[in-house]
Amino acid sequence: MKQVKKDYELINLKKANKKYSLTLTVLLVIIILMAISISIFRFSIPVTKFLTIILLILSSVLILPSYKFLKFVYKDYKGDKNAPLWVPKAFGMV
């Protein structure tokens, strides 16, 4: 019974890993492209301010899924004094 529970937890971890990794990757690429476009192209001041505000909002949004993903991954280590600093590949993080 314990093995079945472990298997379901591993399957759920892999699903969450796919979901969050895709979301985080897309947000990160958008943020990097916006930052590069602000630095390379010379926009007018209102457009630059608007892009900067959008960049700040996207950066804040990037923090939330990152936190939720880490909270999901580390839920098994809550209260453990010997918890790892990161979850190795053997536990489903690729």
N, C-alpha and C. Protein backbone atom coordinates (compact mmCIF):
# COMPACT_ATOMS: atom_id res chain seq x y z
N MET A 1 0.82 -1.20 0.00
CA MET A 1 0.00 0.00 0.00
C MET A 1 0.86 1.26 0.00
N LYS A 2 1.95 1.20 0.75
CA LYS A 2 2.84 2.35 0.81
C LYS A 2 3.50 2.61 -0.55
N GLN A 3 3.81 1.52 -1.26
CA GLN A 3 4.43 1.66 -2.57
C GLN A 3 3.47 2.31 -3.57
N VAL A 4 2.20 1.95 -3.49
CA VAL A 4 1.20 2.56 -4.38
C VAL A 4 1.08 4.05 -4.09
N LYS A 5 1.07 4.41 -2.81
CA LYS A 5 0.99 5.82 -2.43
C LYS A 5 2.21 6.58 -2.93
N LYS A 6 3.39 5.95 -2.80
CA LYS A 6 4.62 6.59 -3.29
C LYS A 6 4.56 6.79 -4.80
N ASP A 7 4.04 5.78 -5.50
CA ASP A 7 3.94 5.88 -6.96
C ASP A 7 3.01 7.01 -7.38
N TYR A 8 1.87 7.15 -6.70
CA TYR A 8 0.96 8.24 -7.01
C TYR A 8 1.58 9.60 -6.71
N GLU A 9 2.33 9.69 -5.61
CA GLU A 9 3.00 10.95 -5.29
C GLU A 9 4.04 11.29 -6.34
N LEU A 10 4.75 10.28 -6.82
CA LEU A 10 5.75 10.50 -7.87
C LEU A 10 5.09 10.94 -9.17
N ILE A 11 3.96 10.32 -9.52
CA ILE A 11 3.23 10.72 -10.73
C ILE A 11 2.74 12.16 -10.60
N ASN A 12 2.20 12.52 -9.43
CA ASN A 12 1.74 13.90 -9.21
C ASN A 12 2.90 14.88 -9.24
N LEU A 13 4.04 14.48 -8.72
CA LEU A 13 5.22 15.34 -8.76
C LEU A 13 5.68 15.59 -10.18
N LYS A 14 5.65 14.54 -11.00
CA LYS A 14 6.06 14.70 -12.40
C LYS A 14 5.08 15.59 -13.17
N LYS A 15 3.78 15.46 -12.88
CA LYS A 15 2.80 16.32 -13.54
C LYS A 15 3.01 17.77 -13.13
N ALA A 16 3.23 18.00 -11.84
CA ALA A 16 3.48 19.37 -11.38
C ALA A 16 4.77 19.91 -11.96
N ASN A 17 5.76 19.06 -12.08
CA ASN A 17 7.04 19.48 -12.65
C ASN A 17 6.85 19.95 -14.09
N LYS A 18 6.07 19.22 -14.87
CA LYS A 18 5.82 19.62 -16.26
C LYS A 18 5.04 20.93 -16.32
N LYS A 19 4.00 21.02 -15.50
CA LYS A 19 3.14 22.20 -15.51
C LYS A 19 3.92 23.46 -15.11
N TYR A 20 4.59 23.37 -13.99
CA TYR A 20 5.29 24.55 -13.49
C TYR A 20 6.53 24.88 -14.32
N SER A 21 7.23 23.87 -14.81
CA SER A 21 8.42 24.16 -15.60
C SER A 21 8.06 24.86 -16.90
N LEU A 22 6.95 24.47 -17.52
CA LEU A 22 6.51 25.15 -18.74
C LEU A 22 6.10 26.59 -18.44
N THR A 23 5.33 26.78 -17.38
CA THR A 23 4.90 28.13 -17.01
C THR A 23 6.08 29.02 -16.68
N LEU A 24 7.01 28.50 -15.88
CA LEU A 24 8.16 29.29 -15.47
C LEU A 24 9.07 29.60 -16.66
N THR A 25 9.23 28.65 -17.56
CA THR A 25 10.08 28.88 -18.72
C THR A 25 9.49 29.95 -19.64
N VAL A 26 8.20 29.88 -19.89
CA VAL A 26 7.55 30.87 -20.76
C VAL A 26 7.65 32.26 -20.14
N LEU A 27 7.36 32.38 -18.85
CA LEU A 27 7.46 33.69 -18.20
C LEU A 27 8.88 34.22 -18.22
N LEU A 28 9.84 33.36 -17.98
CA LEU A 28 11.24 33.79 -17.98
C LEU A 28 11.68 34.26 -19.36
N VAL A 29 11.27 33.55 -20.39
CA VAL A 29 11.63 33.96 -21.76
C VAL A 29 11.00 35.31 -22.10
N ILE A 30 9.75 35.51 -21.72
CA ILE A 30 9.09 36.80 -21.98
C ILE A 30 9.81 37.92 -21.25
N ILE A 31 10.17 37.69 -20.01
CA ILE A 31 10.87 38.72 -19.23
C ILE A 31 12.22 39.04 -19.84
N ILE A 32 12.96 38.03 -20.24
CA ILE A 32 14.28 38.27 -20.84
C ILE A 32 14.14 39.01 -22.16
N LEU A 33 13.19 38.61 -22.99
CA LEU A 33 13.00 39.30 -24.28
C LEU A 33 12.60 40.76 -24.08
N MET A 34 11.74 41.01 -23.10
CA MET A 34 11.34 42.40 -22.83
C MET A 34 12.53 43.22 -22.32
N ALA A 35 13.32 42.64 -21.44
CA ALA A 35 14.48 43.35 -20.91
C ALA A 35 15.49 43.65 -22.02
N ILE A 36 15.70 42.69 -22.91
CA ILE A 36 16.63 42.91 -24.02
C ILE A 36 16.08 43.96 -24.98
N SER A 37 14.79 43.90 -25.26
CA SER A 37 14.21 44.88 -26.19
C SER A 37 14.25 46.29 -25.60
N ILE A 38 14.08 46.42 -24.31
CA ILE A 38 14.17 47.75 -23.69
C ILE A 38 15.59 48.29 -23.81
N SER A 39 16.58 47.41 -23.61
CA SER A 39 17.96 47.89 -23.65
C SER A 39 18.47 48.11 -25.08
N ILE A 40 18.01 47.34 -26.05
CA ILE A 40 18.52 47.48 -27.42
C ILE A 40 17.82 48.60 -28.18
N PHE A 41 16.49 48.59 -28.15
CA PHE A 41 15.73 49.56 -28.93
C PHE A 41 15.48 50.82 -28.12
N ARG A 42 15.46 51.92 -28.79
CA ARG A 42 15.20 53.20 -28.14
C ARG A 42 13.73 53.55 -28.31
N PHE A 43 12.96 53.29 -27.27
CA PHE A 43 11.55 53.62 -27.28
C PHE A 43 11.35 55.00 -26.68
N SER A 44 10.18 55.57 -26.91
CA SER A 44 9.87 56.83 -26.26
C SER A 44 9.71 56.59 -24.76
N ILE A 45 9.75 57.65 -23.98
CA ILE A 45 9.70 57.53 -22.52
C ILE A 45 8.42 56.86 -22.03
N PRO A 46 7.23 57.22 -22.54
CA PRO A 46 6.03 56.53 -22.04
C PRO A 46 6.02 55.03 -22.35
N VAL A 47 6.50 54.66 -23.52
CA VAL A 47 6.54 53.24 -23.89
C VAL A 47 7.54 52.50 -23.00
N THR A 48 8.68 53.11 -22.74
CA THR A 48 9.68 52.51 -21.87
C THR A 48 9.13 52.33 -20.46
N LYS A 49 8.42 53.33 -19.95
CA LYS A 49 7.83 53.21 -18.61
C LYS A 49 6.77 52.10 -18.59
N PHE A 50 5.96 52.03 -19.64
CA PHE A 50 4.94 50.98 -19.72
C PHE A 50 5.58 49.60 -19.75
N LEU A 51 6.61 49.42 -20.57
CA LEU A 51 7.30 48.13 -20.65
C LEU A 51 7.97 47.77 -19.33
N THR A 52 8.49 48.77 -18.64
CA THR A 52 9.11 48.53 -17.34
C THR A 52 8.08 48.07 -16.31
N ILE A 53 6.91 48.67 -16.34
CA ILE A 53 5.84 48.26 -15.42
C ILE A 53 5.39 46.84 -15.73
N ILE A 54 5.22 46.53 -17.01
CA ILE A 54 4.84 45.17 -17.42
C ILE A 54 5.92 44.17 -17.00
N LEU A 55 7.17 44.56 -17.16
CA LEU A 55 8.29 43.70 -16.76
C LEU A 55 8.27 43.44 -15.26
N LEU A 56 7.97 44.45 -14.49
CA LEU A 56 7.88 44.30 -13.03
C LEU A 56 6.72 43.38 -12.65
N ILE A 57 5.58 43.55 -13.30
CA ILE A 57 4.42 42.70 -13.02
C ILE A 57 4.73 41.24 -13.38
N LEU A 58 5.33 41.01 -14.55
CA LEU A 58 5.67 39.65 -14.95
C LEU A 58 6.70 39.02 -14.01
N SER A 59 7.63 39.83 -13.53
CA SER A 59 8.61 39.31 -12.57
C SER A 59 7.93 38.90 -11.27
N SER A 60 6.96 39.68 -10.85
CA SER A 60 6.21 39.33 -9.64
C SER A 60 5.39 38.07 -9.86
N VAL A 61 4.79 37.95 -11.03
CA VAL A 61 4.01 36.76 -11.35
C VAL A 61 4.92 35.53 -11.42
N LEU A 62 6.15 35.70 -11.85
CA LEU A 62 7.10 34.59 -11.92
C LEU A 62 7.43 34.06 -10.53
N ILE A 63 7.42 34.91 -9.54
CA ILE A 63 7.75 34.49 -8.18
C ILE A 63 6.67 33.57 -7.62
N LEU A 64 5.40 33.83 -7.90
CA LEU A 64 4.31 33.03 -7.34
C LEU A 64 4.34 31.56 -7.78
N PRO A 65 4.42 31.26 -9.10
CA PRO A 65 4.50 29.83 -9.46
C PRO A 65 5.78 29.17 -8.96
N SER A 66 6.86 29.94 -8.87
CA SER A 66 8.10 29.37 -8.35
C SER A 66 7.91 28.94 -6.90
N TYR A 67 7.26 29.79 -6.13
CA TYR A 67 7.02 29.48 -4.72
C TYR A 67 6.08 28.28 -4.59
N LYS A 68 5.02 28.25 -5.39
CA LYS A 68 4.08 27.13 -5.32
C LYS A 68 4.76 25.82 -5.73
N PHE A 69 5.61 25.88 -6.73
CA PHE A 69 6.31 24.69 -7.17
C PHE A 69 7.26 24.18 -6.08
N LEU A 70 8.01 25.08 -5.48
CA LEU A 70 8.92 24.66 -4.42
C LEU A 70 8.16 24.14 -3.21
N LYS A 71 7.04 24.76 -2.91
CA LYS A 71 6.21 24.30 -1.79
C LYS A 71 5.69 22.89 -2.06
N PHE A 72 5.29 22.62 -3.30
CA PHE A 72 4.81 21.29 -3.66
C PHE A 72 5.92 20.26 -3.60
N VAL A 73 7.10 20.61 -4.08
CA VAL A 73 8.21 19.66 -4.13
C VAL A 73 8.73 19.35 -2.73
N TYR A 74 8.81 20.35 -1.86
CA TYR A 74 9.41 20.17 -0.55
C TYR A 74 8.41 19.79 0.54
N LYS A 75 7.16 19.47 0.20
CA LYS A 75 6.17 19.16 1.23
C LYS A 75 6.54 17.92 2.02
N ASP A 76 7.26 16.98 1.43
CA ASP A 76 7.66 15.78 2.14
C ASP A 76 8.77 16.04 3.15
N TYR A 77 9.49 17.14 3.01
CA TYR A 77 10.62 17.43 3.88
C TYR A 77 10.29 18.43 4.99
N LYS A 78 9.01 18.79 5.13
CA LYS A 78 8.62 19.78 6.13
C LYS A 78 8.93 19.25 7.53
N GLY A 79 9.69 20.02 8.29
CA GLY A 79 10.05 19.65 9.65
C GLY A 79 11.26 18.74 9.75
N ASP A 80 11.80 18.30 8.63
CA ASP A 80 12.96 17.42 8.63
C ASP A 80 14.22 18.28 8.74
N LYS A 81 15.02 18.01 9.78
CA LYS A 81 16.24 18.81 9.99
C LYS A 81 17.32 18.47 8.97
N ASN A 82 17.23 17.31 8.36
CA ASN A 82 18.23 16.89 7.38
C ASN A 82 17.71 17.01 5.95
N ALA A 83 16.80 17.92 5.72
CA ALA A 83 16.24 18.09 4.38
C ALA A 83 17.30 18.65 3.43
N PRO A 84 17.27 18.22 2.17
CA PRO A 84 18.26 18.72 1.22
C PRO A 84 17.98 20.16 0.81
N LEU A 85 19.02 20.82 0.33
CA LEU A 85 18.84 22.18 -0.16
C LEU A 85 18.09 22.19 -1.49
N TRP A 86 18.20 21.14 -2.25
CA TRP A 86 17.45 21.00 -3.49
C TRP A 86 17.02 19.53 -3.60
N VAL A 87 16.05 19.28 -4.43
CA VAL A 87 15.57 17.92 -4.61
C VAL A 87 16.28 17.35 -5.83
N PRO A 88 17.04 16.28 -5.63
CA PRO A 88 17.82 15.73 -6.75
C PRO A 88 16.94 15.10 -7.82
N LYS A 89 17.58 14.76 -8.92
CA LYS A 89 16.89 14.20 -10.08
C LYS A 89 16.17 12.89 -9.75
N ALA A 90 16.64 12.15 -8.79
CA ALA A 90 16.03 10.88 -8.44
C ALA A 90 14.60 11.04 -7.92
N PHE A 91 14.26 12.22 -7.43
CA PHE A 91 12.92 12.46 -6.88
C PHE A 91 11.97 13.09 -7.89
N GLY A 92 12.35 13.14 -9.14
CA GLY A 92 11.42 13.59 -10.16
C GLY A 92 11.74 14.94 -10.77
N MET A 93 12.72 15.64 -10.25
CA MET A 93 13.07 16.94 -10.84
C MET A 93 14.07 16.70 -11.95
N VAL A 94 13.73 17.08 -13.14
CA VAL A 94 14.62 16.83 -14.28
C VAL A 94 15.21 18.14 -14.74
